[in-house]
Amino acid sequence: MQSMALRRIALWRGASVLFSALGILASWFAFQSEPKRVILGVISIILALFFMFASAVCHIGIRNGTANVKKILEAAEKE
């Protein structure tokens, strides 16, 4: 059950990395456009930072969850 949860978190991490990359790309296009779309660029950067943070949180969850599954399996082997 925890392995399925770890896979689901890995999917969320992948999605958040994708959305952060799209946010960076959108901000680059906003700042490169002829009539400067500063508001769009700032919003894109904020969203990209949010998704980068979400990706880091998912990564920490995967790392700690993997260690937890390893400990559970080691305890099950001892019994």
C-alpha atoms as a PDB file:
ATOM      1  CA  MET A   1       0.000   0.000   0.000  1.00  0.00           C
ATOM      2  CA  GLN A   2       2.817   2.409   0.796  1.00  0.00           C
ATOM      3  CA  SER A   3       4.570   1.542  -2.457  1.00  0.00           C
ATOM      4  CA  MET A   4       1.472   2.614  -4.373  1.00  0.00           C
ATOM      5  CA  ALA A   5       1.406   5.870  -2.402  1.00  0.00           C
ATOM      6  CA  LEU A   6       5.077   6.460  -3.246  1.00  0.00           C
ATOM      7  CA  ARG A   7       4.341   5.921  -6.942  1.00  0.00           C
ATOM      8  CA  ARG A   8       1.449   8.365  -6.742  1.00  0.00           C
ATOM      9  CA  ILE A   9       3.678  10.964  -5.067  1.00  0.00           C
ATOM     10  CA  ALA A  10       6.269  10.393  -7.804  1.00  0.00           C
ATOM     11  CA  LEU A  11       3.602  11.195 -10.406  1.00  0.00           C
ATOM     12  CA  TRP A  12       2.734  14.397  -8.546  1.00  0.00           C
ATOM     13  CA  ARG A  13       6.420  15.296  -8.426  1.00  0.00           C
ATOM     14  CA  GLY A  14       6.718  14.795 -12.167  1.00  0.00           C
ATOM     15  CA  ALA A  15       3.659  16.951 -12.776  1.00  0.00           C
ATOM     16  CA  SER A  16       4.972  19.714 -10.531  1.00  0.00           C
ATOM     17  CA  VAL A  17       8.348  19.698 -12.312  1.00  0.00           C
ATOM     18  CA  LEU A  18       6.511  19.936 -15.634  1.00  0.00           C
ATOM     19  CA  PHE A  19       4.361  22.839 -14.454  1.00  0.00           C
ATOM     20  CA  SER A  20       7.355  24.684 -13.024  1.00  0.00           C
ATOM     21  CA  ALA A  21       9.150  24.337 -16.368  1.00  0.00           C
ATOM     22  CA  LEU A  22       6.049  25.614 -18.157  1.00  0.00           C
ATOM     23  CA  GLY A  23       5.922  28.552 -15.743  1.00  0.00           C
ATOM     24  CA  ILE A  24       9.529  29.439 -16.472  1.00  0.00           C
ATOM     25  CA  LEU A  25       8.873  29.155 -20.196  1.00  0.00           C
ATOM     26  CA  ALA A  26       5.750  31.338 -19.929  1.00  0.00           C
ATOM     27  CA  SER A  27       7.637  33.984 -17.965  1.00  0.00           C
ATOM     28  CA  TRP A  28      10.439  33.985 -20.527  1.00  0.00           C
ATOM     29  CA  PHE A  29       7.944  34.514 -23.356  1.00  0.00           C
ATOM     30  CA  ALA A  30       6.135  37.214 -21.364  1.00  0.00           C
ATOM     31  CA  PHE A  31       9.324  39.196 -20.795  1.00  0.00           C
ATOM     32  CA  GLN A  32      10.513  38.696 -24.386  1.00  0.00           C
ATOM     33  CA  SER A  33       7.268  39.854 -26.010  1.00  0.00           C
ATOM     34  CA  GLU A  34       7.153  43.254 -27.665  1.00  0.00           C
ATOM     35  CA  PRO A  35       4.554  44.920 -25.447  1.00  0.00           C
ATOM     36  CA  LYS A  36       6.039  43.869 -22.133  1.00  0.00           C
ATOM     37  CA  ARG A  37       3.574  41.692 -20.270  1.00  0.00           C
ATOM     38  CA  VAL A  38       5.130  42.193 -16.864  1.00  0.00           C
ATOM     39  CA  ILE A  39       2.093  41.040 -14.894  1.00  0.00           C
ATOM     40  CA  LEU A  40       1.971  37.747 -16.796  1.00  0.00           C
ATOM     41  CA  GLY A  41       5.712  37.305 -16.302  1.00  0.00           C
ATOM     42  CA  VAL A  42       5.530  37.915 -12.561  1.00  0.00           C
ATOM     43  CA  ILE A  43       2.548  35.572 -12.136  1.00  0.00           C
ATOM     44  CA  SER A  44       4.391  32.892 -14.140  1.00  0.00           C
ATOM     45  CA  ILE A  45       7.472  33.216 -11.959  1.00  0.00           C
ATOM     46  CA  ILE A  46       5.379  32.957  -8.788  1.00  0.00           C
ATOM     47  CA  LEU A  47       3.631  29.845 -10.104  1.00  0.00           C
ATOM     48  CA  ALA A  48       6.950  28.334 -11.185  1.00  0.00           C
ATOM     49  CA  LEU A  49       8.399  28.898  -7.699  1.00  0.00           C
ATOM     50  CA  PHE A  50       5.284  27.375  -6.119  1.00  0.00           C
ATOM     51  CA  PHE A  51       5.578  24.257  -8.267  1.00  0.00           C
ATOM     52  CA  MET A  52       9.325  24.016  -7.569  1.00  0.00           C
ATOM     53  CA  PHE A  53       8.533  24.070  -3.863  1.00  0.00           C
ATOM     54  CA  ALA A  54       5.831  21.427  -4.370  1.00  0.00           C
ATOM     55  CA  SER A  55       8.339  19.298  -6.263  1.00  0.00           C
ATOM     56  CA  ALA A  56      10.841  19.571  -3.408  1.00  0.00           C
ATOM     57  CA  VAL A  57       8.177  18.590  -0.862  1.00  0.00           C
ATOM     58  CA  CYS A  58       7.219  15.569  -2.985  1.00  0.00           C
ATOM     59  CA  HIS A  59      10.881  14.580  -3.263  1.00  0.00           C
ATOM     60  CA  ILE A  60      11.309  14.713   0.508  1.00  0.00           C
ATOM     61  CA  GLY A  61       8.139  12.652   0.925  1.00  0.00           C
ATOM     62  CA  ILE A  62       9.421  10.023  -1.499  1.00  0.00           C
ATOM     63  CA  ARG A  63      12.800   9.872   0.206  1.00  0.00           C
ATOM     64  CA  ASN A  64      11.313   9.504   3.689  1.00  0.00           C
ATOM     65  CA  GLY A  65       8.642   7.083   2.481  1.00  0.00           C
ATOM     66  CA  THR A  66      11.220   4.865   0.808  1.00  0.00           C
ATOM     67  CA  ALA A  67      13.239   4.755   4.031  1.00  0.00           C
ATOM     68  CA  ASN A  68      10.063   3.905   5.944  1.00  0.00           C
ATOM     69  CA  VAL A  69       9.198   1.037   3.582  1.00  0.00           C
ATOM     70  CA  LYS A  70      12.747  -0.259   3.923  1.00  0.00           C
ATOM     71  CA  LYS A  71      12.458  -0.229   7.727  1.00  0.00           C
ATOM     72  CA  ILE A  72       9.112  -2.023   7.584  1.00  0.00           C
ATOM     73  CA  LEU A  73      10.537  -4.730   5.341  1.00  0.00           C
ATOM     74  CA  GLU A  74      13.554  -5.174   7.611  1.00  0.00           C
ATOM     75  CA  ALA A  75      11.274  -5.491  10.648  1.00  0.00           C
ATOM     76  CA  ALA A  76       9.125  -8.042   8.835  1.00  0.00           C
ATOM     77  CA  GLU A  77      12.198 -10.125   8.000  1.00  0.00           C
ATOM     78  CA  LYS A  78      13.291 -10.219  11.656  1.00  0.00           C
ATOM     79  CA  GLU A  79       9.999 -11.734  12.783  1.00  0.00           C
END
